[in-house]
Amino acid sequence: MPIITMTQDVPAPQEKVWATLSDTSTFEKWHALHAGWEEMPPSELEVGSTMVEKIKIASITDTIEFRVEALRPPRELVLVGSGSTGSKIRLKMQCDGRGSGSTVTLDLEVTSPLLFGVVGKALQGTFKKKLTATLDGLAAYLEAN
């Protein structure tokens, strides 16, 4: 599956956005792919930190063992992982300050034996919807907090 990139402007300063993106305890409140933690992440992330997250896409739940590949505050967090279904995931969350607000970009790359043919095309569209829902959820969470 090609890399899916979704971008959205949010009405919050970069520092506030970064504090939320890098705080995994808030994922359940805004991250549309997040279905729970199998193994809690550390309270403060650093390169090499690991966590085990359940993600849900359509009717498929996958347990992903993630590792922090890159952490560049207040701009970029990159998670890479391997899933129980044979999937490989790379998620880059980027935040760029824009005046009093920010632009958030999510880059998602997924490879999986489940992502071929008609099913793969359908899931690609579902991933795009989930990333849009994640960005909308992030904006709503930031506005409320």
N, C-alpha and C. Protein backbone atom coordinates (compact mmCIF):
# COMPACT_ATOMS: atom_id res chain seq x y z
N MET A 1 0.85 -1.17 0.00
CA MET A 1 0.00 0.00 0.00
C MET A 1 0.90 1.23 0.00
N PRO A 2 0.59 2.21 -0.82
CA PRO A 2 1.40 3.44 -0.83
C PRO A 2 1.26 4.20 0.49
N ILE A 3 2.19 5.10 0.72
CA ILE A 3 2.12 5.95 1.92
C ILE A 3 0.89 6.84 1.79
N ILE A 4 0.12 6.90 2.85
CA ILE A 4 -1.05 7.78 2.90
C ILE A 4 -0.67 8.99 3.73
N THR A 5 -0.85 10.17 3.17
CA THR A 5 -0.53 11.41 3.86
C THR A 5 -1.78 12.26 3.98
N MET A 6 -2.07 12.68 5.20
CA MET A 6 -3.21 13.55 5.46
C MET A 6 -2.70 14.73 6.29
N THR A 7 -3.17 15.93 5.96
CA THR A 7 -2.73 17.15 6.63
C THR A 7 -3.94 17.98 7.02
N GLN A 8 -3.84 18.62 8.18
CA GLN A 8 -4.93 19.49 8.64
C GLN A 8 -4.36 20.61 9.50
N ASP A 9 -4.90 21.81 9.33
CA ASP A 9 -4.56 22.92 10.21
C ASP A 9 -5.40 22.81 11.47
N VAL A 10 -4.77 23.06 12.62
CA VAL A 10 -5.49 23.04 13.89
C VAL A 10 -5.25 24.37 14.60
N PRO A 11 -6.28 24.88 15.29
CA PRO A 11 -6.17 26.19 15.94
C PRO A 11 -5.53 26.09 17.33
N ALA A 12 -4.31 25.55 17.38
CA ALA A 12 -3.59 25.44 18.65
C ALA A 12 -2.10 25.63 18.36
N PRO A 13 -1.37 26.23 19.30
CA PRO A 13 0.06 26.44 19.08
C PRO A 13 0.82 25.11 19.03
N GLN A 14 1.96 25.14 18.36
CA GLN A 14 2.77 23.95 18.16
C GLN A 14 3.08 23.23 19.48
N GLU A 15 3.41 23.97 20.52
CA GLU A 15 3.78 23.35 21.80
C GLU A 15 2.62 22.53 22.37
N LYS A 16 1.40 23.04 22.26
CA LYS A 16 0.23 22.33 22.77
C LYS A 16 -0.06 21.09 21.92
N VAL A 17 0.07 21.23 20.61
CA VAL A 17 -0.16 20.09 19.73
C VAL A 17 0.89 19.01 20.01
N TRP A 18 2.14 19.42 20.11
CA TRP A 18 3.21 18.47 20.38
C TRP A 18 2.99 17.74 21.70
N ALA A 19 2.58 18.47 22.73
CA ALA A 19 2.33 17.86 24.04
C ALA A 19 1.29 16.75 23.93
N THR A 20 0.30 16.92 23.06
CA THR A 20 -0.74 15.91 22.87
C THR A 20 -0.24 14.76 22.00
N LEU A 21 0.41 15.07 20.88
CA LEU A 21 0.91 14.02 19.98
C LEU A 21 1.87 13.08 20.69
N SER A 22 2.69 13.63 21.57
CA SER A 22 3.72 12.83 22.23
C SER A 22 3.27 12.24 23.57
N ASP A 23 2.01 12.47 23.95
CA ASP A 23 1.47 11.92 25.19
C ASP A 23 0.54 10.76 24.84
N THR A 24 1.07 9.56 24.88
CA THR A 24 0.30 8.40 24.46
C THR A 24 -0.90 8.13 25.36
N SER A 25 -0.93 8.70 26.55
CA SER A 25 -2.09 8.51 27.43
C SER A 25 -3.33 9.22 26.89
N THR A 26 -3.16 10.12 25.92
CA THR A 26 -4.31 10.81 25.33
C THR A 26 -4.82 10.15 24.05
N PHE A 27 -4.12 9.15 23.53
CA PHE A 27 -4.49 8.54 22.24
C PHE A 27 -5.95 8.11 22.21
N GLU A 28 -6.44 7.53 23.30
CA GLU A 28 -7.82 7.02 23.31
C GLU A 28 -8.84 8.12 23.11
N LYS A 29 -8.43 9.37 23.32
CA LYS A 29 -9.36 10.49 23.23
C LYS A 29 -9.43 11.10 21.83
N TRP A 30 -8.45 10.79 20.96
CA TRP A 30 -8.45 11.44 19.65
C TRP A 30 -7.95 10.56 18.50
N HIS A 31 -7.22 9.50 18.77
CA HIS A 31 -6.59 8.69 17.72
C HIS A 31 -7.57 7.63 17.23
N ALA A 32 -8.09 7.78 16.03
CA ALA A 32 -9.17 6.93 15.52
C ALA A 32 -8.75 5.49 15.25
N LEU A 33 -7.47 5.21 15.08
CA LEU A 33 -7.02 3.83 14.89
C LEU A 33 -6.81 3.11 16.22
N HIS A 34 -6.64 3.85 17.28
CA HIS A 34 -6.30 3.29 18.60
C HIS A 34 -7.48 2.53 19.19
N ALA A 35 -7.23 1.26 19.56
CA ALA A 35 -8.27 0.44 20.19
C ALA A 35 -7.87 -0.03 21.58
N GLY A 36 -6.73 0.44 22.06
CA GLY A 36 -6.30 0.09 23.42
C GLY A 36 -4.83 -0.28 23.46
N TRP A 37 -4.33 -0.42 24.68
CA TRP A 37 -2.93 -0.79 24.90
C TRP A 37 -2.87 -2.22 25.43
N GLU A 38 -2.02 -3.03 24.84
CA GLU A 38 -1.70 -4.35 25.38
C GLU A 38 -0.53 -4.21 26.35
N GLU A 39 0.38 -3.31 26.02
CA GLU A 39 1.53 -3.01 26.87
C GLU A 39 1.68 -1.49 26.88
N MET A 40 1.52 -0.91 28.05
CA MET A 40 1.52 0.55 28.16
C MET A 40 2.88 1.13 27.76
N PRO A 41 2.85 2.25 27.06
CA PRO A 41 4.09 2.94 26.73
C PRO A 41 4.64 3.63 27.98
N PRO A 42 5.92 3.98 27.96
CA PRO A 42 6.46 4.74 29.08
C PRO A 42 5.80 6.12 29.14
N SER A 43 5.81 6.73 30.32
CA SER A 43 5.17 8.05 30.47
C SER A 43 5.88 9.11 29.64
N GLU A 44 7.17 8.97 29.43
CA GLU A 44 7.93 9.90 28.58
C GLU A 44 8.59 9.10 27.47
N LEU A 45 8.27 9.44 26.24
CA LEU A 45 8.84 8.73 25.10
C LEU A 45 10.27 9.17 24.83
N GLU A 46 11.05 8.22 24.34
CA GLU A 46 12.39 8.53 23.83
C GLU A 46 12.65 7.54 22.70
N VAL A 47 13.65 7.84 21.89
CA VAL A 47 13.99 6.94 20.79
C VAL A 47 14.29 5.57 21.39
N GLY A 48 13.66 4.54 20.83
CA GLY A 48 13.83 3.18 21.32
C GLY A 48 12.73 2.72 22.26
N SER A 49 11.92 3.64 22.78
CA SER A 49 10.80 3.25 23.65
C SER A 49 9.89 2.29 22.89
N THR A 50 9.32 1.33 23.62
CA THR A 50 8.41 0.37 22.98
C THR A 50 7.05 0.38 23.67
N MET A 51 6.06 -0.06 22.93
CA MET A 51 4.69 -0.16 23.43
C MET A 51 3.96 -1.15 22.53
N VAL A 52 2.91 -1.75 23.05
CA VAL A 52 2.11 -2.67 22.25
C VAL A 52 0.68 -2.13 22.23
N GLU A 53 0.24 -1.79 21.02
CA GLU A 53 -1.05 -1.13 20.82
C GLU A 53 -1.96 -2.00 19.96
N LYS A 54 -3.22 -2.01 20.31
CA LYS A 54 -4.23 -2.63 19.44
C LYS A 54 -4.78 -1.52 18.55
N ILE A 55 -4.79 -1.78 17.25
CA ILE A 55 -5.42 -0.84 16.33
C ILE A 55 -6.54 -1.57 15.61
N LYS A 56 -7.54 -0.79 15.21
CA LYS A 56 -8.69 -1.39 14.52
C LYS A 56 -8.93 -0.63 13.23
N ILE A 57 -9.04 -1.39 12.16
CA ILE A 57 -9.37 -0.83 10.86
C ILE A 57 -10.44 -1.74 10.24
N ALA A 58 -11.57 -1.16 9.92
CA ALA A 58 -12.74 -1.93 9.47
C ALA A 58 -13.04 -2.97 10.55
N SER A 59 -13.13 -4.25 10.18
CA SER A 59 -13.42 -5.29 11.18
C SER A 59 -12.15 -6.00 11.64
N ILE A 60 -10.99 -5.48 11.27
CA ILE A 60 -9.71 -6.12 11.59
C ILE A 60 -9.07 -5.41 12.78
N THR A 61 -8.77 -6.19 13.82
CA THR A 61 -8.00 -5.67 14.95
C THR A 61 -6.63 -6.30 14.87
N ASP A 62 -5.60 -5.48 14.96
CA ASP A 62 -4.22 -5.96 14.89
C ASP A 62 -3.49 -5.47 16.13
N THR A 63 -2.68 -6.32 16.70
CA THR A 63 -1.85 -5.94 17.85
C THR A 63 -0.47 -5.61 17.31
N ILE A 64 -0.05 -4.37 17.51
CA ILE A 64 1.20 -3.87 16.92
C ILE A 64 2.22 -3.61 18.03
N GLU A 65 3.41 -4.16 17.87
CA GLU A 65 4.51 -3.84 18.78
C GLU A 65 5.27 -2.67 18.15
N PHE A 66 5.09 -1.49 18.73
CA PHE A 66 5.70 -0.27 18.20
C PHE A 66 7.00 0.06 18.92
N ARG A 67 7.87 0.73 18.18
CA ARG A 67 9.11 1.29 18.72
C ARG A 67 9.20 2.73 18.22
N VAL A 68 9.65 3.62 19.09
CA VAL A 68 9.87 5.01 18.67
C VAL A 68 11.14 5.05 17.84
N GLU A 69 10.98 5.35 16.56
CA GLU A 69 12.12 5.41 15.63
C GLU A 69 12.77 6.80 15.66
N ALA A 70 11.94 7.84 15.78
CA ALA A 70 12.46 9.21 15.79
C ALA A 70 11.58 10.05 16.71
N LEU A 71 12.22 10.97 17.40
CA LEU A 71 11.53 11.89 18.30
C LEU A 71 12.28 13.21 18.22
N ARG A 72 11.63 14.19 17.58
CA ARG A 72 12.26 15.50 17.38
C ARG A 72 11.31 16.59 17.88
N PRO A 73 11.26 16.80 19.21
CA PRO A 73 10.35 17.81 19.77
C PRO A 73 10.68 19.20 19.23
N PRO A 74 9.72 20.02 19.00
CA PRO A 74 8.27 19.83 19.08
C PRO A 74 7.66 19.53 17.72
N ARG A 75 8.39 18.79 16.88
CA ARG A 75 7.96 18.68 15.49
C ARG A 75 7.58 17.29 15.02
N GLU A 76 8.30 16.25 15.43
CA GLU A 76 8.11 14.97 14.75
C GLU A 76 8.24 13.78 15.70
N LEU A 77 7.30 12.85 15.55
CA LEU A 77 7.32 11.56 16.25
C LEU A 77 7.10 10.48 15.20
N VAL A 78 7.99 9.50 15.15
CA VAL A 78 7.86 8.40 14.19
C VAL A 78 7.81 7.09 14.96
N LEU A 79 6.74 6.33 14.71
CA LEU A 79 6.57 5.01 15.31
C LEU A 79 6.65 3.96 14.22
N VAL A 80 7.40 2.89 14.46
CA VAL A 80 7.46 1.77 13.53
C VAL A 80 7.06 0.52 14.30
N GLY A 81 6.37 -0.39 13.61
CA GLY A 81 5.92 -1.57 14.32
C GLY A 81 5.62 -2.74 13.43
N SER A 82 5.50 -3.88 14.11
CA SER A 82 5.12 -5.14 13.46
C SER A 82 3.88 -5.66 14.14
N GLY A 83 2.95 -6.19 13.33
CA GLY A 83 1.67 -6.61 13.87
C GLY A 83 1.47 -8.11 13.90
N SER A 84 0.46 -8.51 14.65
CA SER A 84 0.12 -9.92 14.81
C SER A 84 -0.42 -10.54 13.52
N THR A 85 -0.85 -9.73 12.57
CA THR A 85 -1.35 -10.25 11.29
C THR A 85 -0.26 -10.29 10.21
N GLY A 86 0.99 -10.01 10.61
CA GLY A 86 2.08 -9.95 9.64
C GLY A 86 2.28 -8.57 9.06
N SER A 87 1.56 -7.59 9.59
CA SER A 87 1.66 -6.22 9.08
C SER A 87 2.92 -5.53 9.57
N LYS A 88 3.34 -4.55 8.81
CA LYS A 88 4.43 -3.64 9.18
C LYS A 88 3.87 -2.24 9.03
N ILE A 89 4.08 -1.40 10.04
CA ILE A 89 3.50 -0.06 10.05
C ILE A 89 4.58 0.96 10.37
N ARG A 90 4.50 2.08 9.67
CA ARG A 90 5.33 3.24 9.99
C ARG A 90 4.39 4.44 10.01
N LEU A 91 4.30 5.10 11.17
CA LEU A 91 3.44 6.27 11.34
C LEU A 91 4.30 7.45 11.75
N LYS A 92 4.30 8.48 10.90
CA LYS A 92 5.00 9.72 11.23
C LYS A 92 3.96 10.78 11.53
N MET A 93 4.08 11.39 12.72
CA MET A 93 3.21 12.50 13.12
C MET A 93 4.08 13.74 13.17
N GLN A 94 3.72 14.73 12.37
CA GLN A 94 4.52 15.95 12.26
C GLN A 94 3.67 17.16 12.59
N CYS A 95 4.26 18.10 13.31
CA CYS A 95 3.56 19.33 13.70
C CYS A 95 4.42 20.53 13.35
N ASP A 96 3.89 21.41 12.54
CA ASP A 96 4.59 22.64 12.16
C ASP A 96 3.78 23.83 12.64
N GLY A 97 4.44 24.75 13.35
CA GLY A 97 3.77 25.96 13.80
C GLY A 97 3.43 26.86 12.62
N ARG A 98 2.23 27.44 12.65
CA ARG A 98 1.76 28.37 11.61
C ARG A 98 1.05 29.51 12.30
N GLY A 99 1.75 30.60 12.57
CA GLY A 99 1.14 31.72 13.29
C GLY A 99 0.71 31.28 14.67
N SER A 100 -0.57 31.49 15.01
CA SER A 100 -1.06 31.07 16.33
C SER A 100 -1.57 29.63 16.31
N GLY A 101 -1.55 28.99 15.15
CA GLY A 101 -2.01 27.61 15.02
C GLY A 101 -0.90 26.69 14.57
N SER A 102 -1.28 25.53 14.10
CA SER A 102 -0.32 24.52 13.66
C SER A 102 -0.88 23.75 12.48
N THR A 103 0.02 23.15 11.73
CA THR A 103 -0.35 22.21 10.69
C THR A 103 0.15 20.84 11.12
N VAL A 104 -0.75 19.88 11.16
CA VAL A 104 -0.40 18.52 11.55
C VAL A 104 -0.48 17.63 10.31
N THR A 105 0.57 16.84 10.11
CA THR A 105 0.62 15.91 8.99
C THR A 105 0.84 14.51 9.53
N LEU A 106 0.03 13.58 9.06
CA LEU A 106 0.19 12.17 9.39
C LEU A 106 0.58 11.43 8.12
N ASP A 107 1.69 10.70 8.18
CA ASP A 107 2.13 9.84 7.09
C ASP A 107 2.03 8.41 7.59
N LEU A 108 1.26 7.59 6.91
CA LEU A 108 1.07 6.20 7.32
C LEU A 108 1.49 5.28 6.18
N GLU A 109 2.38 4.36 6.50
CA GLU A 109 2.80 3.34 5.54
C GLU A 109 2.51 1.97 6.18
N VAL A 110 1.72 1.17 5.48
CA VAL A 110 1.35 -0.15 5.99
C VAL A 110 1.64 -1.19 4.91
N THR A 111 2.32 -2.25 5.29
CA THR A 111 2.44 -3.42 4.43
C THR A 111 1.86 -4.59 5.20
N SER A 112 1.10 -5.41 4.51
CA SER A 112 0.43 -6.53 5.16
C SER A 112 -0.01 -7.53 4.12
N PRO A 113 0.00 -8.80 4.47
CA PRO A 113 -0.52 -9.80 3.54
C PRO A 113 -2.02 -9.61 3.27
N LEU A 114 -2.69 -8.83 4.11
CA LEU A 114 -4.13 -8.59 3.94
C LEU A 114 -4.45 -7.45 2.96
N LEU A 115 -3.42 -6.73 2.50
CA LEU A 115 -3.66 -5.50 1.74
C LEU A 115 -3.44 -5.66 0.24
N PHE A 116 -3.91 -6.75 -0.32
CA PHE A 116 -3.76 -6.95 -1.76
C PHE A 116 -5.12 -7.01 -2.42
N GLY A 117 -5.15 -6.68 -3.70
CA GLY A 117 -6.37 -6.80 -4.49
C GLY A 117 -7.47 -5.87 -4.03
N VAL A 118 -8.70 -6.34 -4.17
CA VAL A 118 -9.88 -5.54 -3.86
C VAL A 118 -9.92 -5.16 -2.38
N VAL A 119 -9.57 -6.10 -1.52
CA VAL A 119 -9.57 -5.83 -0.07
C VAL A 119 -8.57 -4.72 0.25
N GLY A 120 -7.39 -4.79 -0.36
CA GLY A 120 -6.37 -3.77 -0.14
C GLY A 120 -6.83 -2.39 -0.55
N LYS A 121 -7.49 -2.30 -1.70
CA LYS A 121 -7.99 -1.00 -2.17
C LYS A 121 -9.07 -0.47 -1.23
N ALA A 122 -9.94 -1.33 -0.77
CA ALA A 122 -10.99 -0.91 0.17
C ALA A 122 -10.38 -0.43 1.48
N LEU A 123 -9.39 -1.18 1.98
CA LEU A 123 -8.77 -0.79 3.24
C LEU A 123 -7.96 0.50 3.11
N GLN A 124 -7.40 0.75 1.93
CA GLN A 124 -6.68 2.01 1.72
C GLN A 124 -7.62 3.19 1.93
N GLY A 125 -8.82 3.11 1.38
CA GLY A 125 -9.82 4.16 1.59
C GLY A 125 -10.22 4.27 3.05
N THR A 126 -10.32 3.13 3.73
CA THR A 126 -10.68 3.13 5.15
C THR A 126 -9.56 3.77 5.97
N PHE A 127 -8.31 3.49 5.63
CA PHE A 127 -7.18 4.13 6.33
C PHE A 127 -7.25 5.65 6.17
N LYS A 128 -7.56 6.12 4.97
CA LYS A 128 -7.67 7.57 4.75
C LYS A 128 -8.75 8.17 5.64
N LYS A 129 -9.90 7.49 5.72
CA LYS A 129 -10.98 7.97 6.58
C LYS A 129 -10.56 7.98 8.04
N LYS A 130 -9.84 6.96 8.47
CA LYS A 130 -9.39 6.89 9.87
C LYS A 130 -8.38 7.99 10.18
N LEU A 131 -7.49 8.29 9.23
CA LEU A 131 -6.52 9.37 9.46
C LEU A 131 -7.23 10.72 9.51
N THR A 132 -8.23 10.92 8.66
CA THR A 132 -9.02 12.15 8.72
C THR A 132 -9.73 12.25 10.06
N ALA A 133 -10.32 11.14 10.51
CA ALA A 133 -11.00 11.13 11.82
C ALA A 133 -10.01 11.39 12.95
N THR A 134 -8.78 10.91 12.80
CA THR A 134 -7.75 11.16 13.81
C THR A 134 -7.42 12.65 13.88
N LEU A 135 -7.24 13.27 12.73
CA LEU A 135 -6.94 14.71 12.71
C LEU A 135 -8.12 15.52 13.24
N ASP A 136 -9.33 15.15 12.88
CA ASP A 136 -10.52 15.84 13.41
C ASP A 136 -10.61 15.64 14.92
N GLY A 137 -10.34 14.43 15.38
CA GLY A 137 -10.36 14.14 16.82
C GLY A 137 -9.30 14.91 17.57
N LEU A 138 -8.12 15.04 16.97
CA LEU A 138 -7.05 15.82 17.59
C LEU A 138 -7.46 17.28 17.71
N ALA A 139 -8.00 17.84 16.65
CA ALA A 139 -8.44 19.24 16.68
C ALA A 139 -9.50 19.46 17.75
N ALA A 140 -10.47 18.56 17.84
CA ALA A 140 -11.54 18.68 18.84
C ALA A 140 -10.97 18.53 20.25
N TYR A 141 -10.06 17.60 20.44
CA TYR A 141 -9.44 17.40 21.76
C TYR A 141 -8.66 18.64 22.18
N LEU A 142 -7.89 19.20 21.26
CA LEU A 142 -7.11 20.39 21.57
C LEU A 142 -8.01 21.57 21.90
N GLU A 143 -9.11 21.70 21.19
CA GLU A 143 -10.04 22.80 21.44
C GLU A 143 -10.70 22.67 22.81
N ALA A 144 -10.98 21.45 23.22
CA ALA A 144 -11.66 21.21 24.50
C ALA A 144 -10.72 21.25 25.70
N ASN A 145 -9.43 21.13 25.47
CA ASN A 145 -8.48 21.04 26.60
C ASN A 145 -7.47 22.16 26.60
